[in-house]
Amino acid sequence: MRACYKKKSVDYLLEEINLVKDKYPLKNVHFNDDIFIINKKWFFEFAEKFPELNLSYTCNIRANLLTEDIAEALVASHCRNVTWSIESGNDEMLKNILRKTMTKKQILKTSACLHKHKIPFRVSNLIGLPGETIDEIKETIEVNIKSQPSLSLANIFIPYPNVDLTKYSIKHGYFYQNSILPRNYFSRSPLNFTKNEHDIIYKTFCLFPALVKFPVLFYCNMCFKFMYFLPKIFLRLIYELFYAAGLSKWYAIKTPMLLKIRMAFRYILYY
């Protein structure tokens, strides 16, 4: 069965944005569409017309869809930044477990293209994948460091029902089918890891943006061990401050520092 999708016409989309702009203060538009650039004809028309609105925008892209001409069009059309997924830095994990048509080489090529055109980018990752080792998680951190994103985040894999990766986890004994799932993807892994592996996965989730932003914390063995020695509540605070500050800047939202700190503590207390 072929996948099918529908896109609004460029003119209709811009008309909708103008309606919002006329009613509310608007400076930046985010398009939360993983295949935003898949139709090059549509995207190039959008890139030509969007500047007429005198706004900036942010969008999602896919590494295997980005080309030089698309990168140039992103810049010309006032794209503020882009978001995409690396998910894993291990080629075997990408190919055989995640079934991604993407390699480490392609990830680094996409990163280089975005840097060349001075387009800031945020990347997302998955850790705690079925059968994933600690060394493979470190590979993911290292590929992120080499990619040099403006912001890098990792989520813990959750085996939601009827997902192929969930079926794989059950079949290979990484997850018991009737186990209770956590209510989010940033508190714990429900897979059958050892206690030590569970601790490392959670701490890596918390430290991921800091390790990528400041590579010395990853490559310096003493620093790395010290960071993982810190209490979980402290590591969670580090993560939330990175998250609140990073996303406020990312989506051009003016947020006072006191509010960022309050947001961080709210998430810690809630989860």
Protein backbone atom coordinates (compact mmCIF):
# COMPACT_ATOMS: atom_id res chain seq x y z
CA MET A 1 0.00 0.00 0.00
CA ARG A 2 1.39 3.42 -0.94
CA ALA A 3 1.36 6.14 1.70
CA CYS A 4 -0.57 9.21 0.72
CA TYR A 5 -0.63 12.70 2.15
CA LYS A 6 -2.31 16.01 1.44
CA LYS A 7 -0.89 19.50 1.69
CA LYS A 8 -2.76 22.76 1.71
CA SER A 9 -1.98 25.01 -1.21
CA VAL A 10 0.70 27.60 -0.47
CA ASP A 11 -1.72 30.49 -0.96
CA TYR A 12 -4.30 28.95 1.38
CA LEU A 13 -1.62 28.33 4.03
CA LEU A 14 -0.33 31.90 3.85
CA GLU A 15 -3.88 33.23 4.07
CA GLU A 16 -4.37 31.28 7.31
CA ILE A 17 -1.16 32.69 8.74
CA ASN A 18 -2.24 36.22 7.82
CA LEU A 19 -5.55 35.72 9.65
CA VAL A 20 -3.64 34.78 12.81
CA LYS A 21 -1.16 37.63 12.32
CA ASP A 22 -4.01 40.16 12.03
CA LYS A 23 -5.57 38.97 15.28
CA TYR A 24 -2.54 38.17 17.48
CA PRO A 25 1.07 39.36 17.85
CA LEU A 26 3.06 37.02 15.65
CA LYS A 27 6.76 37.00 14.78
CA ASN A 28 7.57 33.37 14.08
CA VAL A 29 5.59 30.42 12.68
CA HIS A 30 6.42 26.79 13.41
CA PHE A 31 5.47 24.06 10.94
CA ASN A 32 5.31 20.79 12.86
CA ASP A 33 5.38 18.59 9.76
CA ASP A 34 8.04 15.87 9.41
CA ILE A 35 7.73 15.91 5.62
CA PHE A 36 7.59 19.69 5.23
CA ILE A 37 10.23 19.64 2.46
CA ILE A 38 9.24 16.36 0.75
CA ASN A 39 7.45 18.05 -2.17
CA LYS A 40 10.12 20.26 -3.69
CA LYS A 41 7.75 22.03 -6.09
CA TRP A 42 5.43 22.96 -3.22
CA PHE A 43 8.31 23.97 -0.95
CA PHE A 44 9.98 26.20 -3.55
CA GLU A 45 6.68 28.01 -4.14
CA PHE A 46 6.33 28.43 -0.36
CA ALA A 47 9.92 29.69 -0.10
CA GLU A 48 9.24 32.30 -2.78
CA LYS A 49 6.02 33.62 -1.24
CA PHE A 50 6.53 33.34 2.55
CA PRO A 51 8.85 36.39 2.83
CA GLU A 52 5.91 38.58 1.81
CA LEU A 53 4.52 38.05 5.34
CA ASN A 54 7.56 39.67 7.01
CA LEU A 55 7.83 36.76 9.45
CA SER A 56 10.37 34.09 10.25
CA TYR A 57 9.56 30.41 10.57
CA THR A 58 10.86 27.16 12.00
CA CYS A 59 10.18 23.72 10.56
CA ASN A 60 11.02 20.02 10.68
CA ILE A 61 13.13 18.33 8.02
CA ARG A 62 14.46 14.84 7.30
CA ALA A 63 18.16 14.19 6.78
CA ASN A 64 17.55 12.10 3.67
CA LEU A 65 15.48 14.87 2.04
CA LEU A 66 17.78 17.86 2.52
CA THR A 67 19.64 19.05 -0.58
CA GLU A 68 21.77 22.11 -1.35
CA ASP A 69 18.94 23.85 -3.23
CA ILE A 70 16.51 23.21 -0.38
CA ALA A 71 19.02 24.59 2.13
CA GLU A 72 19.42 27.72 0.00
CA ALA A 73 15.63 28.11 -0.19
CA LEU A 74 15.34 27.75 3.60
CA VAL A 75 17.74 30.64 4.07
CA ALA A 76 16.13 32.82 1.40
CA SER A 77 12.64 32.30 2.86
CA HIS A 78 13.60 33.48 6.38
CA CYS A 79 13.78 30.08 8.04
CA ARG A 80 14.98 30.70 11.59
CA ASN A 81 16.07 27.10 12.31
CA VAL A 82 15.14 23.47 11.62
CA THR A 83 14.52 20.35 13.67
CA TRP A 84 15.29 16.77 12.64
CA SER A 85 16.01 13.35 14.10
CA ILE A 86 19.27 11.46 14.41
CA GLU A 87 17.76 8.85 16.78
CA SER A 88 20.87 6.63 16.90
CA GLY A 89 24.54 7.01 16.07
CA ASN A 90 25.00 3.30 15.40
CA ASP A 91 24.57 2.17 11.78
CA GLU A 92 23.37 -1.32 12.72
CA MET A 93 20.76 0.12 15.09
CA LEU A 94 19.59 2.56 12.40
CA LYS A 95 19.31 -0.11 9.72
CA ASN A 96 18.17 -3.27 11.50
CA ILE A 97 16.23 -2.03 14.55
CA LEU A 98 14.88 1.41 13.63
CA ARG A 99 14.58 0.55 9.90
CA LYS A 100 15.83 4.02 8.98
CA THR A 101 17.00 4.78 5.46
CA MET A 102 19.80 6.86 6.92
CA THR A 103 23.42 6.29 7.93
CA LYS A 104 25.93 8.07 10.14
CA LYS A 105 27.60 9.34 6.97
CA GLN A 106 24.35 10.89 5.81
CA ILE A 107 23.71 12.39 9.25
CA LEU A 108 27.08 14.14 9.21
CA LYS A 109 26.58 15.24 5.58
CA THR A 110 23.23 16.85 6.50
CA SER A 111 24.83 18.58 9.49
CA ALA A 112 27.65 19.90 7.31
CA CYS A 113 25.16 21.24 4.75
CA LEU A 114 23.20 23.09 7.45
CA HIS A 115 26.39 24.56 8.93
CA LYS A 116 27.54 25.62 5.46
CA HIS A 117 24.33 27.62 4.98
CA LYS A 118 24.36 28.85 8.60
CA ILE A 119 21.02 27.26 9.46
CA PRO A 120 20.80 26.47 13.20
CA PHE A 121 19.36 23.03 13.90
CA ARG A 122 17.99 21.01 16.78
CA VAL A 123 18.12 17.22 16.78
CA SER A 124 16.22 14.53 18.67
CA ASN A 125 17.44 11.07 19.62
CA LEU A 126 16.20 7.81 21.13
CA ILE A 127 18.03 5.96 23.89
CA GLY A 128 17.08 2.79 25.73
CA LEU A 129 16.26 1.01 22.47
CA PRO A 130 15.70 -2.77 22.55
CA GLY A 131 19.06 -4.50 22.76
CA GLU A 132 20.97 -1.23 22.85
CA THR A 133 24.26 -1.31 24.76
CA ILE A 134 25.85 1.50 26.75
CA ASP A 135 28.59 1.72 24.10
CA GLU A 136 25.92 2.23 21.41
CA ILE A 137 24.37 5.02 23.46
CA LYS A 138 27.82 6.62 23.62
CA GLU A 139 28.03 6.34 19.81
CA THR A 140 24.83 8.37 19.60
CA ILE A 141 26.27 11.06 21.87
CA GLU A 142 29.46 11.16 19.78
CA VAL A 143 27.61 11.54 16.45
CA ASN A 144 25.64 14.41 18.00
CA ILE A 145 28.88 16.06 19.14
CA LYS A 146 30.32 15.74 15.62
CA SER A 147 27.12 17.19 14.15
CA GLN A 148 27.34 20.27 16.41
CA PRO A 149 23.62 21.08 16.71
CA SER A 150 22.41 24.19 18.50
CA LEU A 151 20.37 21.96 20.80
CA SER A 152 20.34 18.20 21.17
CA LEU A 153 17.78 16.21 23.15
CA ALA A 154 17.19 12.51 23.77
CA ASN A 155 13.98 10.71 24.69
CA ILE A 156 13.74 7.28 26.29
CA PHE A 157 12.14 4.69 24.02
CA ILE A 158 8.62 3.67 25.10
CA PRO A 159 7.07 0.53 23.49
CA TYR A 160 3.64 1.90 22.63
CA PRO A 161 1.04 -0.63 21.39
CA ASN A 162 0.96 -1.77 17.74
CA VAL A 163 4.34 -0.22 16.90
CA ASP A 164 6.78 -2.42 14.98
CA LEU A 165 9.57 -1.69 17.45
CA THR A 166 7.26 -2.76 20.30
CA LYS A 167 6.53 -6.06 18.54
CA TYR A 168 10.27 -6.54 18.09
CA SER A 169 10.86 -5.82 21.80
CA ILE A 170 8.26 -8.40 22.86
CA LYS A 171 9.45 -11.04 20.38
CA HIS A 172 13.06 -10.80 21.53
CA GLY A 173 12.29 -10.65 25.25
CA TYR A 174 13.16 -7.02 25.88
CA PHE A 175 9.63 -6.15 27.04
CA TYR A 176 6.78 -8.03 28.68
CA GLN A 177 3.54 -7.36 26.81
CA ASN A 178 1.37 -6.66 29.86
CA SER A 179 3.87 -4.39 31.62
CA ILE A 180 2.64 -0.98 32.73
CA LEU A 181 4.07 1.82 30.61
CA PRO A 182 5.37 5.06 32.14
CA ARG A 183 3.20 8.09 31.46
CA ASN A 184 5.94 9.85 29.49
CA TYR A 185 9.19 9.23 27.64
CA PHE A 186 11.50 11.02 30.06
CA SER A 187 11.12 9.24 33.40
CA ARG A 188 12.20 5.61 32.95
CA SER A 189 12.58 2.78 30.46
CA PRO A 190 10.02 -0.05 30.71
CA LEU A 191 12.36 -2.49 28.92
CA ASN A 192 14.17 -5.31 30.70
CA PHE A 193 17.48 -3.61 31.36
CA THR A 194 19.60 -4.22 34.47
CA LYS A 195 19.35 -1.74 37.36
CA ASN A 196 22.71 -0.24 36.39
CA GLU A 197 21.61 0.14 32.76
CA HIS A 198 18.34 1.79 33.87
CA ASP A 199 20.31 4.32 35.92
CA ILE A 200 22.68 5.08 33.05
CA ILE A 201 19.81 5.48 30.56
CA TYR A 202 17.98 7.94 32.80
CA LYS A 203 21.14 9.90 33.64
CA THR A 204 22.10 10.00 29.96
CA PHE A 205 18.66 11.39 29.14
CA CYS A 206 19.25 14.18 31.67
CA LEU A 207 22.84 14.89 30.63
CA PHE A 208 22.43 14.51 26.87
CA PRO A 209 22.10 18.22 25.95
CA ALA A 210 24.99 19.19 28.25
CA LEU A 211 27.32 16.42 26.99
CA VAL A 212 26.70 17.48 23.38
CA LYS A 213 26.99 21.21 24.07
CA PHE A 214 30.17 20.79 26.11
CA PRO A 215 32.08 17.82 24.64
CA VAL A 216 34.80 18.02 27.30
CA LEU A 217 32.25 16.52 29.72
CA PHE A 218 32.03 13.48 27.44
CA TYR A 219 35.64 13.06 26.36
CA CYS A 220 37.25 13.79 29.72
CA ASN A 221 36.94 10.48 31.60
CA MET A 222 37.09 12.13 35.03
CA CYS A 223 34.41 14.70 34.09
CA PHE A 224 32.22 12.00 32.57
CA LYS A 225 32.36 9.82 35.69
CA PHE A 226 31.73 12.81 37.94
CA MET A 227 28.62 13.85 35.99
CA TYR A 228 27.15 10.35 36.27
CA PHE A 229 27.95 10.30 40.00
CA LEU A 230 25.70 13.31 40.67
CA PRO A 231 22.22 12.74 42.21
CA LYS A 232 19.35 12.21 39.73
CA ILE A 233 17.39 15.22 41.02
CA PHE A 234 20.35 17.50 40.30
CA LEU A 235 20.81 16.02 36.82
CA ARG A 236 17.11 16.51 36.12
CA LEU A 237 17.42 20.18 37.07
CA ILE A 238 20.31 20.56 34.61
CA TYR A 239 18.15 19.03 31.88
CA GLU A 240 15.09 21.17 32.59
CA LEU A 241 17.10 24.39 32.58
CA PHE A 242 18.66 23.42 29.24
CA TYR A 243 15.23 22.48 27.90
CA ALA A 244 13.38 25.60 29.04
CA ALA A 245 16.13 28.02 27.97
CA GLY A 246 16.83 26.19 24.71
CA LEU A 247 13.25 25.98 23.48
CA SER A 248 12.42 29.56 24.46
CA LYS A 249 15.29 30.75 22.28
CA TRP A 250 14.47 28.21 19.57
CA TYR A 251 10.91 29.38 18.99
CA ALA A 252 11.69 33.08 19.54
CA ILE A 253 9.70 33.23 22.78
CA LYS A 254 10.78 35.92 25.23
CA THR A 255 10.91 34.20 28.61
CA PRO A 256 12.31 35.83 31.77
CA MET A 257 14.96 33.75 33.55
CA LEU A 258 12.80 33.48 36.68
CA LEU A 259 10.00 31.93 34.61
CA LYS A 260 12.44 29.47 33.03
CA ILE A 261 13.54 28.36 36.51
CA ARG A 262 9.91 28.04 37.65
CA MET A 263 9.15 25.93 34.57
CA ALA A 264 12.10 23.66 35.33
CA PHE A 265 11.03 23.10 38.95
CA ARG A 266 7.42 22.52 37.90
CA TYR A 267 8.44 19.67 35.64
CA ILE A 268 10.71 18.15 38.28
CA LEU A 269 7.99 18.24 40.94
CA TYR A 270 5.32 16.93 38.57
CA TYR A 271 7.29 14.04 37.12
